[in-house]
Amino acid sequence: MSSFCREVITLQLGHYSNFVGTHWWNLQDASLSYDPGSPLAEVQSDVVFREGRTLGGHVTYTPRLISMDLKGSLRTLRQEGSLYNADKDASAATWEGSLMMHKESPSVKNSFLEDLDKLDNGTILAGADFSSSSSSQLSAAVGVDTVNGRLARVQQGYRLEGSVKVWSDFLRIHLHPRTVSVIHKYNHDGEADRLEAFAQGESLLQGALLEELEDRLHFFVEECDYFQGFQVLCDLADGFAGLGSKLTELLRDSYGGRGILTWGLAPVSRPDSTPVKDLYRLLNCTLGALHMSNHSSMFCPLTLRGGLGRRPGPPPEFPHLSYDPSLWYHSSSVLALALDALTAPYRLRNNGVPMWQLADSLAVSGRKVVAAYGAVPFPMMHGSSLPDALSACSGALPWRPLSACPEAGGGRCYGQWATLKGFEGQKLTSCLSAGMRPPTPLHSLHSGEEVLAAYIGSFHPSAPLALQLVSTPSKLTPPFPQIFSPSLGAQGFLQNQPPPPGSRAPPVSSVPVLTSLQTGSALGPWLSELHRAASSLDVRRVAPSFLCHGLEAADHQEALEQLRLLARCYKDDSSGAAPSSSEEDDDD
């Protein structure tokens, strides 16, 4: 393990956040490496993983993670995990009276989970990494023959689209016993006892749940040597928005000076949508975005919805993806790929930046709401160069909105952080023969940073721009869904020739991704639209039960006013300074 590491603690709040988080952790597990000399060591695994030992003395690596969800959301996953707790002997009961036992049929596991169980039950060492990168570790643990068989197993594809009901249905890794926290007061399924309103979530963080959370936080924080902060994934459209608002406030007050990067997650659609529930979700998004941005170093919504208002546009189309936006298993995988690149700057072994620096470079003049964009995958032809790939974009930016916030053409950009991850094996500059004239100015530049900065900077020439180039790709292992175009090769690069008709394309095992975090005038109309949509509702008339959980009407109106003022901070002006609260608001 590295002698110096800026540790990060992750919190996942809500079911969709755990969907995205599960894919994200599966991606981290696929590239898990604690060998500084390994080619996979560019991203430092021990930033987000912790080392431990099982009761049998075996070394384990588990996420430094606290995951919160509702009763009934785990299905086959044991809340305490299976690494450290031995099954208790039922004969130890001391009650001598009569007993009545009620047994519930266990949930049926899909083929992927069944295979993991077979590996754990004597074939593979409990706690060992489930990726081919750890073949040496597995050889020492279970023998070469087993490793070879296991590596053949991970080549197998799984089609889980019809069997994934909850996030644990595709979880590859073992979790620490202190990771999963179940809120038993509310149900994941069914119409009764649902966590639907912002104030419901706010009121949860007290009493026993608060003590439990603080105990888990202290456990993970106290074992860190160079703790840099928290990355919080929080559902934005249900009551978890209220819980996330209170939790980020707790983190700010208890761990001042640490980075708090909050990602507000929202699925494209929900199977139980009704007009009243949609109003609740709009109000939750409004209050959650405001309060979590106030308490965090940086707040970024992440969603493939075309908008967070009452009439969202269509989901973004990615040219080389074939995914079902309504399927959580698919949409969360796209966001996880983007999040892998978005979070890379503060997880690098060398030339990384701490969380606070990333946030400070974007949260200019109090503008702590940022928008994310991504090219998933980045369209790079196999064997070509970065100048070729960018030149093929026909004078447009290659990414799509990941925050329901389209870029404002010609608008002002106050700051931007771009990350290109996964160009391994490809050329970052053009290799021209002596005397050959460069086909574009990009082809005459001498480094990948210059090429990327020149292209992105041409759209916002006066905006501060930070760049991070990471060679290591996002490595895909089962059960990541195969949602990629047949035009992509196994490494995620475009092929010179498409596969012949009727032939089966090889599974995509890694992809290059280009992402951007931006703060700019495009967020002004986005926040204003969110304010207008929420302000147009008479909550006491159309959704009176929203105010039945402790939220006062006066507090709701005050929050809407704060949101209106926040939107004005992003108003495009020639000076770049945030307008004062006394100025006229042209958007209202």
Foldseek 3Di string as FASTA:
>chain_A
DDPDEAAAAEEEAEFLSLLLVLLLVLLLLQLDDPDCPDPSQQFPSRNFWDWDAEPVGHIAIAGNAAYEYAPPQQQPADLQWDGHDDDDDPVVDPDPDDDDDDDDDGDDADPVVVVLVVCPPPLFPARDRLYLVCLVVRCVVHNNVSSVVSNVVQLDEDDCLPPDDGNNNFRDGIHHSLHYDYDHQADPDDDPRHQAFQLSLQVVCDDPNVVSVVVSVCVSVVVDDNHAYYEYEFAQQGNSLNVLLNVLQVCCVPPPPHAYEYEHEDAQDDPPDDVLSLLRRLLSNLLSQLSNLVSGLAYEYFYQWLASFPDRDHGDDAPWFAFDSNRSSGRSSQSSQQVSQVPRQSRGPPNHDGNNVVSPQACPQNLRYKWKKKRVFQAAAPAAEQLVSLVVVVLDDRIDTRRSFDDDQVFAWAAKEKEKAAQAPHHLEADDDPPDDDPDPLNPDDGNVVSVCVSVCVRHVVYYYHYYYHNHFSFDTPPRPQGTHQQAAQCAYGYPDGDPPPDDGRGRGTGIMMMMITQALSVLVSLLVSLVSSVVDPCCPSPVVSPVSPDDPVNSVVSSVSSNQSSQQRHGDDVNGRDDPPDDDPSD
